[in-house]
Amino acid sequence: MITLEDKWQIAELVARFTQCSDYGDWEGLKALYTDDVETEMEGIALRYKGIAEQVAHAQASDAQAQGKNRHYNFNLTITEEGGAVHADYAFMNVNAGQAPMAAQIVVTGRMRDTVVKTADGWKIARRLVRFDQQVAVDF
């Protein structure tokens, strides 16, 4: 059974993902995943397997947005179902732009992270991304 402290740590894990990903802390990002982490995007055949592919995708997103890729997460719920722990939340991905008033919403949707408690704390083992829009990811 997960505790309130576990829920707090899982919420921090989700927040650390955005901080590391958005501000180029690639070593910090690596520490958030299990070795066999997998990201699946509903409706898209492309998957990211393992830590290296997760980080490479984040780096490609960062480069594409010229360092201005930002993730905003909302409405987080943390549940335990059949022994698995899930962090479910809505997200908005924004290109912050290079000038005031230049920011653009890129995509929105929902995420479901399956998280596991390790000796080093909670880590993301699986991520399912459900986009609100029709998207084509090729990196």
N, C-alpha and C. Protein backbone atom coordinates (compact mmCIF):
# COMPACT_ATOMS: atom_id res chain seq x y z
N MET A 1 0.84 -1.19 0.00
CA MET A 1 0.00 0.00 0.00
C MET A 1 0.88 1.26 0.00
N ILE A 2 0.58 2.18 -0.90
CA ILE A 2 1.36 3.41 -0.94
C ILE A 2 0.89 4.37 0.16
N THR A 3 1.85 5.10 0.67
CA THR A 3 1.58 6.03 1.76
C THR A 3 1.48 7.46 1.21
N LEU A 4 1.10 8.39 2.08
CA LEU A 4 1.10 9.80 1.69
C LEU A 4 2.51 10.26 1.34
N GLU A 5 3.50 9.77 2.06
CA GLU A 5 4.88 10.12 1.74
C GLU A 5 5.27 9.59 0.36
N ASP A 6 4.84 8.35 0.03
CA ASP A 6 5.08 7.82 -1.31
C ASP A 6 4.45 8.73 -2.36
N LYS A 7 3.22 9.14 -2.12
CA LYS A 7 2.53 10.01 -3.10
C LYS A 7 3.28 11.32 -3.29
N TRP A 8 3.77 11.88 -2.20
CA TRP A 8 4.54 13.12 -2.30
C TRP A 8 5.80 12.90 -3.14
N GLN A 9 6.51 11.80 -2.89
CA GLN A 9 7.73 11.51 -3.63
C GLN A 9 7.44 11.26 -5.11
N ILE A 10 6.31 10.64 -5.41
CA ILE A 10 5.93 10.39 -6.81
C ILE A 10 5.59 11.72 -7.49
N ALA A 11 4.89 12.60 -6.79
CA ALA A 11 4.59 13.92 -7.35
C ALA A 11 5.89 14.68 -7.63
N GLU A 12 6.86 14.56 -6.74
CA GLU A 12 8.18 15.18 -6.94
C GLU A 12 8.88 14.56 -8.15
N LEU A 13 8.74 13.27 -8.35
CA LEU A 13 9.34 12.59 -9.50
C LEU A 13 8.79 13.18 -10.80
N VAL A 14 7.49 13.35 -10.88
CA VAL A 14 6.87 13.93 -12.08
C VAL A 14 7.39 15.36 -12.28
N ALA A 15 7.49 16.13 -11.20
CA ALA A 15 7.98 17.50 -11.30
C ALA A 15 9.45 17.53 -11.73
N ARG A 16 10.26 16.63 -11.18
CA ARG A 16 11.68 16.58 -11.55
C ARG A 16 11.84 16.25 -13.03
N PHE A 17 10.97 15.38 -13.57
CA PHE A 17 11.03 15.09 -15.00
C PHE A 17 10.95 16.38 -15.80
N THR A 18 9.98 17.23 -15.48
CA THR A 18 9.81 18.46 -16.26
C THR A 18 11.01 19.38 -16.08
N GLN A 19 11.50 19.51 -14.86
CA GLN A 19 12.65 20.38 -14.61
C GLN A 19 13.89 19.89 -15.38
N CYS A 20 14.18 18.61 -15.28
CA CYS A 20 15.37 18.06 -15.95
C CYS A 20 15.24 18.14 -17.46
N SER A 21 14.08 17.77 -17.97
CA SER A 21 13.86 17.75 -19.41
C SER A 21 13.88 19.16 -20.00
N ASP A 22 13.22 20.09 -19.32
CA ASP A 22 13.08 21.44 -19.86
C ASP A 22 14.35 22.28 -19.76
N TYR A 23 15.20 21.96 -18.81
CA TYR A 23 16.38 22.80 -18.60
C TYR A 23 17.69 22.05 -18.83
N GLY A 24 17.62 20.92 -19.55
CA GLY A 24 18.82 20.24 -20.03
C GLY A 24 19.66 19.54 -18.98
N ASP A 25 19.04 19.09 -17.90
CA ASP A 25 19.77 18.32 -16.90
C ASP A 25 19.69 16.84 -17.27
N TRP A 26 20.53 16.44 -18.23
CA TRP A 26 20.43 15.09 -18.79
C TRP A 26 20.84 14.02 -17.78
N GLU A 27 21.80 14.31 -16.93
CA GLU A 27 22.19 13.34 -15.89
C GLU A 27 21.06 13.18 -14.88
N GLY A 28 20.44 14.28 -14.50
CA GLY A 28 19.30 14.21 -13.60
C GLY A 28 18.15 13.44 -14.21
N LEU A 29 17.92 13.64 -15.51
CA LEU A 29 16.85 12.93 -16.20
C LEU A 29 17.10 11.43 -16.19
N LYS A 30 18.32 11.03 -16.45
CA LYS A 30 18.67 9.60 -16.44
C LYS A 30 18.31 8.94 -15.11
N ALA A 31 18.49 9.67 -14.02
CA ALA A 31 18.27 9.11 -12.69
C ALA A 31 16.79 8.87 -12.37
N LEU A 32 15.89 9.38 -13.19
CA LEU A 32 14.46 9.27 -12.92
C LEU A 32 13.83 7.99 -13.45
N TYR A 33 14.58 7.24 -14.26
CA TYR A 33 14.03 6.08 -14.95
C TYR A 33 14.63 4.76 -14.45
N THR A 34 13.83 3.70 -14.59
CA THR A 34 14.39 2.37 -14.43
C THR A 34 15.18 2.05 -15.70
N ASP A 35 16.09 1.09 -15.62
CA ASP A 35 16.93 0.74 -16.78
C ASP A 35 16.09 0.31 -17.97
N ASP A 36 14.97 -0.37 -17.72
CA ASP A 36 14.15 -0.91 -18.80
C ASP A 36 12.93 -0.05 -19.11
N VAL A 37 12.97 1.23 -18.78
CA VAL A 37 11.85 2.14 -19.01
C VAL A 37 11.40 2.10 -20.47
N GLU A 38 10.11 2.26 -20.67
CA GLU A 38 9.56 2.31 -22.02
C GLU A 38 8.48 3.38 -22.09
N THR A 39 8.54 4.19 -23.15
CA THR A 39 7.50 5.18 -23.42
C THR A 39 6.74 4.76 -24.66
N GLU A 40 5.44 4.70 -24.52
CA GLU A 40 4.54 4.37 -25.63
C GLU A 40 3.63 5.57 -25.86
N MET A 41 3.43 5.91 -27.13
CA MET A 41 2.52 6.99 -27.48
C MET A 41 1.34 6.39 -28.24
N GLU A 42 0.17 6.53 -27.65
CA GLU A 42 -1.02 5.93 -28.23
C GLU A 42 -1.22 6.41 -29.67
N GLY A 43 -1.42 5.45 -30.57
CA GLY A 43 -1.65 5.76 -31.97
C GLY A 43 -0.40 5.99 -32.80
N ILE A 44 0.77 5.89 -32.18
CA ILE A 44 2.03 6.09 -32.88
C ILE A 44 2.90 4.86 -32.66
N ALA A 45 3.45 4.33 -33.72
CA ALA A 45 4.24 3.10 -33.61
C ALA A 45 5.58 3.30 -32.91
N LEU A 46 6.10 4.52 -32.93
CA LEU A 46 7.39 4.82 -32.34
C LEU A 46 7.35 4.66 -30.82
N ARG A 47 8.37 3.98 -30.26
CA ARG A 47 8.50 3.81 -28.82
C ARG A 47 9.92 4.14 -28.42
N TYR A 48 10.07 4.57 -27.19
CA TYR A 48 11.40 4.82 -26.64
C TYR A 48 11.64 3.79 -25.55
N LYS A 49 12.70 2.99 -25.73
CA LYS A 49 13.02 1.91 -24.79
C LYS A 49 14.38 2.15 -24.18
N GLY A 50 14.44 2.08 -22.86
CA GLY A 50 15.69 2.28 -22.16
C GLY A 50 15.97 3.75 -21.89
N ILE A 51 16.87 3.97 -20.96
CA ILE A 51 17.20 5.33 -20.54
C ILE A 51 17.80 6.15 -21.68
N ALA A 52 18.70 5.56 -22.44
CA ALA A 52 19.37 6.31 -23.51
C ALA A 52 18.38 6.87 -24.52
N GLU A 53 17.37 6.10 -24.89
CA GLU A 53 16.38 6.59 -25.86
C GLU A 53 15.49 7.68 -25.25
N GLN A 54 15.18 7.58 -23.96
CA GLN A 54 14.39 8.63 -23.29
C GLN A 54 15.15 9.95 -23.34
N VAL A 55 16.42 9.90 -22.99
CA VAL A 55 17.23 11.11 -22.94
C VAL A 55 17.46 11.66 -24.35
N ALA A 56 17.71 10.78 -25.31
CA ALA A 56 17.91 11.24 -26.69
C ALA A 56 16.67 11.96 -27.21
N HIS A 57 15.50 11.46 -26.89
CA HIS A 57 14.26 12.13 -27.31
C HIS A 57 14.16 13.51 -26.65
N ALA A 58 14.46 13.59 -25.36
CA ALA A 58 14.41 14.88 -24.66
C ALA A 58 15.41 15.87 -25.27
N GLN A 59 16.60 15.38 -25.61
CA GLN A 59 17.61 16.25 -26.21
C GLN A 59 17.17 16.72 -27.60
N ALA A 60 16.54 15.84 -28.37
CA ALA A 60 16.05 16.22 -29.70
C ALA A 60 14.94 17.26 -29.58
N SER A 61 14.04 17.08 -28.61
CA SER A 61 12.97 18.06 -28.38
C SER A 61 13.55 19.40 -27.98
N ASP A 62 14.57 19.36 -27.13
CA ASP A 62 15.23 20.58 -26.67
C ASP A 62 15.87 21.31 -27.85
N ALA A 63 16.55 20.57 -28.70
CA ALA A 63 17.21 21.18 -29.87
C ALA A 63 16.18 21.76 -30.84
N GLN A 64 15.10 21.01 -31.06
CA GLN A 64 14.07 21.46 -31.99
C GLN A 64 13.44 22.78 -31.51
N ALA A 65 13.30 22.93 -30.20
CA ALA A 65 12.69 24.14 -29.62
C ALA A 65 13.74 25.18 -29.22
N GLN A 66 14.98 24.97 -29.63
CA GLN A 66 16.09 25.90 -29.33
C GLN A 66 16.18 26.19 -27.83
N GLY A 67 16.06 25.12 -27.03
CA GLY A 67 16.18 25.26 -25.58
C GLY A 67 14.95 25.82 -24.89
N LYS A 68 13.85 25.93 -25.59
CA LYS A 68 12.64 26.55 -25.03
C LYS A 68 11.47 25.57 -24.92
N ASN A 69 11.76 24.28 -24.87
CA ASN A 69 10.71 23.26 -24.71
C ASN A 69 10.29 23.24 -23.24
N ARG A 70 9.00 23.38 -22.97
CA ARG A 70 8.50 23.40 -21.59
C ARG A 70 7.32 22.45 -21.45
N HIS A 71 7.30 21.74 -20.33
CA HIS A 71 6.20 20.81 -20.00
C HIS A 71 5.47 21.34 -18.78
N TYR A 72 4.15 21.35 -18.84
CA TYR A 72 3.32 21.75 -17.70
C TYR A 72 2.36 20.61 -17.41
N ASN A 73 2.32 20.19 -16.16
CA ASN A 73 1.49 19.05 -15.76
C ASN A 73 0.41 19.51 -14.79
N PHE A 74 -0.78 18.91 -14.92
CA PHE A 74 -1.95 19.31 -14.14
C PHE A 74 -2.72 18.08 -13.65
N ASN A 75 -3.51 18.27 -12.62
CA ASN A 75 -4.50 17.28 -12.19
C ASN A 75 -3.90 15.90 -11.93
N LEU A 76 -2.82 15.88 -11.19
CA LEU A 76 -2.12 14.64 -10.87
C LEU A 76 -2.93 13.80 -9.87
N THR A 77 -3.11 12.55 -10.20
CA THR A 77 -3.64 11.57 -9.25
C THR A 77 -2.68 10.40 -9.21
N ILE A 78 -2.54 9.82 -8.03
CA ILE A 78 -1.64 8.69 -7.84
C ILE A 78 -2.45 7.57 -7.24
N THR A 79 -2.46 6.43 -7.93
CA THR A 79 -3.28 5.30 -7.50
C THR A 79 -2.47 4.02 -7.52
N GLU A 80 -2.97 3.06 -6.77
CA GLU A 80 -2.39 1.72 -6.77
C GLU A 80 -3.47 0.77 -7.25
N GLU A 81 -3.17 0.01 -8.30
CA GLU A 81 -4.14 -0.91 -8.88
C GLU A 81 -3.46 -2.25 -9.12
N GLY A 82 -3.92 -3.27 -8.44
CA GLY A 82 -3.37 -4.60 -8.64
C GLY A 82 -1.88 -4.68 -8.37
N GLY A 83 -1.39 -3.91 -7.42
CA GLY A 83 0.03 -3.93 -7.08
C GLY A 83 0.87 -2.96 -7.88
N ALA A 84 0.32 -2.36 -8.95
CA ALA A 84 1.05 -1.38 -9.75
C ALA A 84 0.67 0.02 -9.29
N VAL A 85 1.65 0.92 -9.30
CA VAL A 85 1.40 2.30 -8.89
C VAL A 85 1.46 3.19 -10.13
N HIS A 86 0.44 4.04 -10.29
CA HIS A 86 0.33 4.90 -11.47
C HIS A 86 0.21 6.36 -11.07
N ALA A 87 0.89 7.20 -11.82
CA ALA A 87 0.73 8.65 -11.73
C ALA A 87 0.04 9.07 -13.02
N ASP A 88 -1.19 9.55 -12.89
CA ASP A 88 -1.97 9.99 -14.06
C ASP A 88 -2.10 11.50 -14.01
N TYR A 89 -1.88 12.16 -15.13
CA TYR A 89 -1.97 13.61 -15.16
C TYR A 89 -2.17 14.12 -16.58
N ALA A 90 -2.70 15.34 -16.66
CA ALA A 90 -2.82 16.03 -17.93
C ALA A 90 -1.52 16.80 -18.15
N PHE A 91 -1.17 17.02 -19.40
CA PHE A 91 0.04 17.79 -19.70
C PHE A 91 -0.21 18.76 -20.83
N MET A 92 0.62 19.79 -20.86
CA MET A 92 0.65 20.73 -21.96
C MET A 92 2.12 20.96 -22.29
N ASN A 93 2.48 20.78 -23.53
CA ASN A 93 3.84 21.01 -24.00
C ASN A 93 3.84 22.35 -24.74
N VAL A 94 4.74 23.22 -24.36
CA VAL A 94 4.79 24.58 -24.90
C VAL A 94 6.18 24.87 -25.43
N ASN A 95 6.26 25.54 -26.58
CA ASN A 95 7.50 26.13 -27.03
C ASN A 95 7.46 27.56 -26.51
N ALA A 96 8.33 27.87 -25.53
CA ALA A 96 8.30 29.17 -24.86
C ALA A 96 8.69 30.32 -25.78
N GLY A 97 9.35 30.03 -26.90
CA GLY A 97 9.72 31.07 -27.84
C GLY A 97 10.91 31.88 -27.38
N GLN A 98 11.38 32.73 -28.24
CA GLN A 98 12.57 33.53 -27.97
C GLN A 98 12.25 34.97 -27.58
N ALA A 99 10.97 35.34 -27.66
CA ALA A 99 10.58 36.73 -27.36
C ALA A 99 9.24 36.72 -26.63
N PRO A 100 8.95 37.79 -25.88
CA PRO A 100 7.64 37.87 -25.24
C PRO A 100 6.52 37.73 -26.28
N MET A 101 5.47 37.05 -25.88
CA MET A 101 4.28 36.81 -26.70
C MET A 101 4.52 35.81 -27.83
N ALA A 102 5.69 35.14 -27.83
CA ALA A 102 6.01 34.19 -28.90
C ALA A 102 5.72 32.75 -28.50
N ALA A 103 5.34 32.51 -27.26
CA ALA A 103 5.09 31.14 -26.81
C ALA A 103 3.93 30.51 -27.58
N GLN A 104 4.05 29.19 -27.81
CA GLN A 104 3.00 28.46 -28.52
C GLN A 104 2.74 27.13 -27.84
N ILE A 105 1.47 26.79 -27.67
CA ILE A 105 1.13 25.45 -27.20
C ILE A 105 1.41 24.50 -28.35
N VAL A 106 2.20 23.48 -28.08
CA VAL A 106 2.57 22.51 -29.11
C VAL A 106 1.58 21.36 -29.13
N VAL A 107 1.30 20.79 -27.95
CA VAL A 107 0.42 19.64 -27.87
C VAL A 107 -0.07 19.51 -26.42
N THR A 108 -1.23 18.88 -26.26
CA THR A 108 -1.77 18.60 -24.93
C THR A 108 -2.19 17.13 -24.90
N GLY A 109 -2.43 16.64 -23.69
CA GLY A 109 -2.89 15.25 -23.58
C GLY A 109 -2.83 14.76 -22.15
N ARG A 110 -2.77 13.45 -22.03
CA ARG A 110 -2.71 12.79 -20.73
C ARG A 110 -1.53 11.85 -20.70
N MET A 111 -0.96 11.71 -19.51
CA MET A 111 0.13 10.76 -19.31
C MET A 111 -0.27 9.80 -18.20
N ARG A 112 0.21 8.58 -18.34
CA ARG A 112 0.11 7.60 -17.27
C ARG A 112 1.50 7.01 -17.08
N ASP A 113 2.11 7.36 -15.96
CA ASP A 113 3.41 6.80 -15.61
C ASP A 113 3.20 5.64 -14.65
N THR A 114 3.78 4.51 -14.96
CA THR A 114 3.85 3.40 -14.01
C THR A 114 5.17 3.59 -13.29
N VAL A 115 5.11 3.71 -11.98
CA VAL A 115 6.30 4.00 -11.19
C VAL A 115 6.59 2.86 -10.23
N VAL A 116 7.87 2.69 -9.92
CA VAL A 116 8.27 1.63 -9.00
C VAL A 116 9.22 2.20 -7.96
N LYS A 117 9.12 1.65 -6.76
CA LYS A 117 10.00 2.09 -5.68
C LYS A 117 11.26 1.24 -5.71
N THR A 118 12.41 1.90 -5.81
CA THR A 118 13.70 1.22 -5.85
C THR A 118 14.51 1.64 -4.62
N ALA A 119 15.69 1.09 -4.49
CA ALA A 119 16.58 1.48 -3.40
C ALA A 119 16.97 2.95 -3.50
N ASP A 120 16.89 3.51 -4.71
CA ASP A 120 17.22 4.91 -4.94
C ASP A 120 15.99 5.81 -4.99
N GLY A 121 14.85 5.29 -4.58
CA GLY A 121 13.61 6.07 -4.60
C GLY A 121 12.70 5.66 -5.75
N TRP A 122 11.62 6.41 -5.92
CA TRP A 122 10.65 6.12 -6.98
C TRP A 122 11.23 6.47 -8.34
N LYS A 123 10.93 5.59 -9.33
CA LYS A 123 11.40 5.81 -10.70
C LYS A 123 10.28 5.49 -11.69
N ILE A 124 10.38 6.09 -12.85
CA ILE A 124 9.42 5.84 -13.93
C ILE A 124 9.84 4.57 -14.66
N ALA A 125 8.93 3.59 -14.72
CA ALA A 125 9.21 2.33 -15.40
C ALA A 125 8.52 2.27 -16.76
N ARG A 126 7.40 2.96 -16.89
CA ARG A 126 6.65 2.94 -18.15
C ARG A 126 5.87 4.23 -18.24
N ARG A 127 5.78 4.75 -19.44
CA ARG A 127 4.99 5.96 -19.68
C ARG A 127 4.09 5.73 -20.88
N LEU A 128 2.81 6.00 -20.70
CA LEU A 128 1.85 5.97 -21.80
C LEU A 128 1.39 7.40 -22.03
N VAL A 129 1.57 7.87 -23.26
CA VAL A 129 1.18 9.23 -23.63
C VAL A 129 -0.04 9.14 -24.55
N ARG A 130 -1.07 9.89 -24.19
CA ARG A 130 -2.29 9.98 -25.01
C ARG A 130 -2.45 11.44 -25.41
N PHE A 131 -2.27 11.73 -26.69
CA PHE A 131 -2.37 13.10 -27.18
C PHE A 131 -3.82 13.47 -27.44
N ASP A 132 -4.14 14.76 -27.24
CA ASP A 132 -5.46 15.26 -27.59
C ASP A 132 -5.57 15.52 -29.08
N GLN A 133 -4.45 15.73 -29.73
CA GLN A 133 -4.42 16.04 -31.17
C GLN A 133 -3.82 14.85 -31.93
N GLN A 134 -4.00 14.88 -33.23
CA GLN A 134 -3.32 13.91 -34.10
C GLN A 134 -1.89 14.42 -34.27
N VAL A 135 -0.93 13.62 -33.84
CA VAL A 135 0.46 14.04 -33.95
C VAL A 135 1.27 13.00 -34.68
N ALA A 136 2.37 13.44 -35.23
CA ALA A 136 3.34 12.54 -35.87
C ALA A 136 4.70 12.89 -35.29
N VAL A 137 5.23 11.99 -34.49
CA VAL A 137 6.55 12.18 -33.90
C VAL A 137 7.54 11.37 -34.72
N ASP A 138 8.60 12.01 -35.17
CA ASP A 138 9.58 11.31 -35.99
C ASP A 138 10.99 11.43 -35.44
N PHE A 139 11.11 11.71 -34.16
CA PHE A 139 12.44 11.79 -33.52
C PHE A 139 12.39 11.18 -32.16
